[in-house]
């Protein structure tokens, strides 16, 4: 489905929270230790290196250049990055391009993402490894969007019992 980016409101949150069992249903094994969530908005500051960890999906439509033609260079790049292995977990490195101003909850980053990457973890590259954001969208070969977790917490969206935050 086509997203009209002129109607996209980057000041509104776009995420969902799920409560999960602490043990797997099959095999009754403990789940992996979760990453800690950072309260520090500086982790989403410009020029900070981050990684996006998620499951990019195959493009539903062919990528287009600004003139409307098929973006052949973009297609070649996607084949080089993903082959035909969509729906598999990928780690995509990138850099935060801008951070939320006081009124905004959205940061921009340049990590490679596709449809299916929405909801993917944005993590620090520097130690300690922490969750600092949630990827939620982007514009082809232009920019990607993520919500900074510290900003969402500050605004009250994530102030819930049972969420593991660190200073």
Protein backbone atom coordinates (compact mmCIF):
# COMPACT_ATOMS: atom_id res chain seq x y z
CA UNK A 1 0.00 0.00 0.00
CA UNK A 2 1.33 3.45 -0.89
CA UNK A 3 2.06 5.82 2.00
CA UNK A 4 1.40 9.48 1.28
CA UNK A 5 4.40 11.02 3.07
CA UNK A 6 2.80 14.49 2.86
CA UNK A 7 0.18 13.25 5.32
CA UNK A 8 2.64 11.51 7.66
CA UNK A 9 2.70 13.15 11.11
CA UNK A 10 6.12 12.47 12.66
CA UNK A 11 4.99 14.01 15.95
CA UNK A 12 2.57 11.15 16.66
CA UNK A 13 3.83 7.85 18.06
CA UNK A 14 3.66 4.78 15.86
CA UNK A 15 4.38 1.68 17.95
CA UNK A 16 2.75 -1.17 19.84
CA UNK A 17 3.74 -2.95 23.05
CA UNK A 18 3.31 -6.65 23.64
CA UNK A 19 3.43 -8.53 26.92
CA UNK A 20 5.17 -11.88 26.52
CA UNK A 21 5.52 -14.94 28.72
CA UNK A 22 8.87 -15.30 30.47
CA UNK A 23 9.25 -18.89 29.26
CA UNK A 24 8.69 -20.41 25.84
CA UNK A 25 5.51 -22.41 25.41
CA UNK A 26 7.34 -25.16 23.52
CA UNK A 27 10.13 -26.66 25.59
CA UNK A 28 9.46 -24.45 28.64
CA UNK A 29 12.83 -22.70 28.18
CA UNK A 30 13.62 -19.26 29.54
CA UNK A 31 13.58 -16.46 27.00
CA UNK A 32 16.84 -14.64 26.25
CA UNK A 33 17.75 -11.82 28.61
CA UNK A 34 16.18 -8.65 27.20
CA UNK A 35 18.22 -5.57 26.37
CA UNK A 36 17.93 -2.77 28.84
CA UNK A 37 16.05 0.30 27.65
CA UNK A 38 17.92 3.57 27.93
CA UNK A 39 16.43 6.62 29.64
CA UNK A 40 19.23 8.74 28.15
CA UNK A 41 18.09 10.71 25.06
CA UNK A 42 21.75 11.37 24.14
CA UNK A 43 21.96 7.87 22.62
CA UNK A 44 19.74 9.15 19.77
CA UNK A 45 21.80 12.30 19.18
CA UNK A 46 23.09 13.19 15.69
CA UNK A 47 26.13 11.22 14.52
CA UNK A 48 25.57 8.40 17.04
CA UNK A 49 26.15 5.01 15.46
CA UNK A 50 23.23 2.62 15.83
CA UNK A 51 22.08 -0.71 14.45
CA UNK A 52 18.59 -1.71 13.41
CA UNK A 53 17.74 -5.36 14.12
CA UNK A 54 14.70 -6.63 12.31
CA UNK A 55 13.10 -8.65 9.55
CA UNK A 56 12.90 -6.65 6.31
CA UNK A 57 10.28 -7.91 3.86
CA UNK A 58 10.37 -8.19 0.08
CA UNK A 59 9.25 -4.95 -1.57
CA UNK A 60 5.56 -5.11 -2.50
CA UNK A 61 6.23 -2.78 -5.44
CA UNK A 62 9.30 -1.95 -7.47
CA UNK A 63 11.28 0.99 -6.08
CA UNK A 64 10.85 4.14 -8.14
CA UNK A 65 13.17 7.03 -8.95
CA UNK A 66 11.93 10.60 -8.57
CA UNK A 67 10.85 10.64 -12.24
CA UNK A 68 8.63 7.56 -11.68
CA UNK A 69 10.85 5.10 -13.53
CA UNK A 70 12.00 1.85 -11.91
CA UNK A 71 15.05 2.59 -9.76
CA UNK A 72 17.42 0.01 -11.30
CA UNK A 73 20.38 1.09 -9.15
CA UNK A 74 18.19 0.71 -6.07
CA UNK A 75 17.06 -2.75 -7.17
CA UNK A 76 20.68 -3.82 -7.72
CA UNK A 77 21.60 -2.50 -4.29
CA UNK A 78 18.72 -4.42 -2.65
CA UNK A 79 19.83 -7.62 -4.38
CA UNK A 80 23.37 -7.02 -3.16
CA UNK A 81 22.27 -6.40 0.42
CA UNK A 82 19.48 -8.94 0.83
CA UNK A 83 19.72 -11.36 -2.10
CA UNK A 84 16.39 -13.13 -2.00
CA UNK A 85 16.57 -13.72 1.74
CA UNK A 86 13.74 -11.48 2.92
CA UNK A 87 11.95 -12.19 6.20
CA UNK A 88 15.25 -13.17 7.82
CA UNK A 89 16.75 -11.25 10.73
CA UNK A 90 19.23 -8.60 9.56
CA UNK A 91 21.45 -6.21 11.44
CA UNK A 92 21.70 -2.89 9.60
CA UNK A 93 24.28 -0.36 10.77
CA UNK A 94 23.58 3.34 10.48
CA UNK A 95 23.97 6.78 11.94
CA UNK A 96 21.41 9.04 13.61
CA UNK A 97 20.96 12.04 11.32
CA UNK A 98 18.88 14.22 13.61
CA UNK A 99 17.43 13.80 17.04
CA UNK A 100 14.07 14.83 18.41
CA UNK A 101 13.73 18.48 19.18
CA UNK A 102 11.94 19.10 22.45
CA UNK A 103 8.51 18.89 20.81
CA UNK A 104 9.23 15.88 18.56
CA UNK A 105 9.43 12.15 19.24
CA UNK A 106 10.99 11.20 15.89
CA UNK A 107 14.64 10.84 14.95
CA UNK A 108 16.00 10.27 11.46
CA UNK A 109 18.63 7.63 10.65
CA UNK A 110 20.34 6.20 7.58
CA UNK A 111 20.35 2.46 8.36
CA UNK A 112 19.03 0.32 5.49
CA UNK A 113 15.47 -0.80 6.19
CA UNK A 114 12.53 -2.05 4.16
CA UNK A 115 8.86 -2.65 4.76
CA UNK A 116 8.66 -5.28 7.49
CA UNK A 117 11.33 -3.45 9.50
CA UNK A 118 8.70 -1.39 11.33
CA UNK A 119 8.94 -2.06 15.05
CA UNK A 120 12.58 -3.10 14.75
CA UNK A 121 14.98 -2.41 17.57
CA UNK A 122 17.32 0.57 17.34
CA UNK A 123 20.33 -0.30 19.51
CA UNK A 124 23.54 1.41 20.50
CA UNK A 125 26.78 0.30 18.91
CA UNK A 126 28.90 1.56 21.78
CA UNK A 127 28.99 -0.36 25.04
CA UNK A 128 26.81 -0.96 26.82
CA UNK A 129 24.49 -2.46 24.22
CA UNK A 130 21.05 -0.96 24.92
CA UNK A 131 17.73 -0.43 23.21
CA UNK A 132 17.42 3.27 22.39
CA UNK A 133 14.69 3.44 19.77
CA UNK A 134 12.05 1.80 17.60
CA UNK A 135 12.23 2.04 13.82
CA UNK A 136 8.81 2.72 12.29
CA UNK A 137 9.12 3.93 8.71
CA UNK A 138 11.02 5.72 6.02
CA UNK A 139 11.12 7.20 2.56
CA UNK A 140 12.88 5.26 -0.22
CA UNK A 141 16.57 6.25 -0.56
CA UNK A 142 15.91 9.36 1.48
CA UNK A 143 15.47 8.89 5.23
CA UNK A 144 14.29 6.52 7.92
CA UNK A 145 12.32 7.25 11.07
CA UNK A 146 12.65 6.00 14.63
CA UNK A 147 11.12 6.94 17.95
CA UNK A 148 13.66 7.54 20.72
CA UNK A 149 12.64 5.42 23.70
CA UNK A 150 13.87 7.98 26.27
CA UNK A 151 11.69 10.65 24.64
CA UNK A 152 8.64 8.36 24.62
CA UNK A 153 9.24 7.61 28.30
CA UNK A 154 9.61 11.33 29.13
CA UNK A 155 6.27 12.04 27.45
CA UNK A 156 4.56 9.25 29.41
CA UNK A 157 3.98 6.79 26.55
CA UNK A 158 6.18 4.08 28.08
CA UNK A 159 5.82 4.75 31.79
CA UNK A 160 4.44 1.29 32.53
CA UNK A 161 5.18 -1.27 35.25
CA UNK A 162 7.41 -4.16 34.23
CA UNK A 163 9.50 -2.32 31.64
CA UNK A 164 13.23 -2.54 32.43
CA UNK A 165 14.75 0.96 32.18
CA UNK A 166 18.31 1.95 33.04
CA UNK A 167 19.56 5.48 33.87
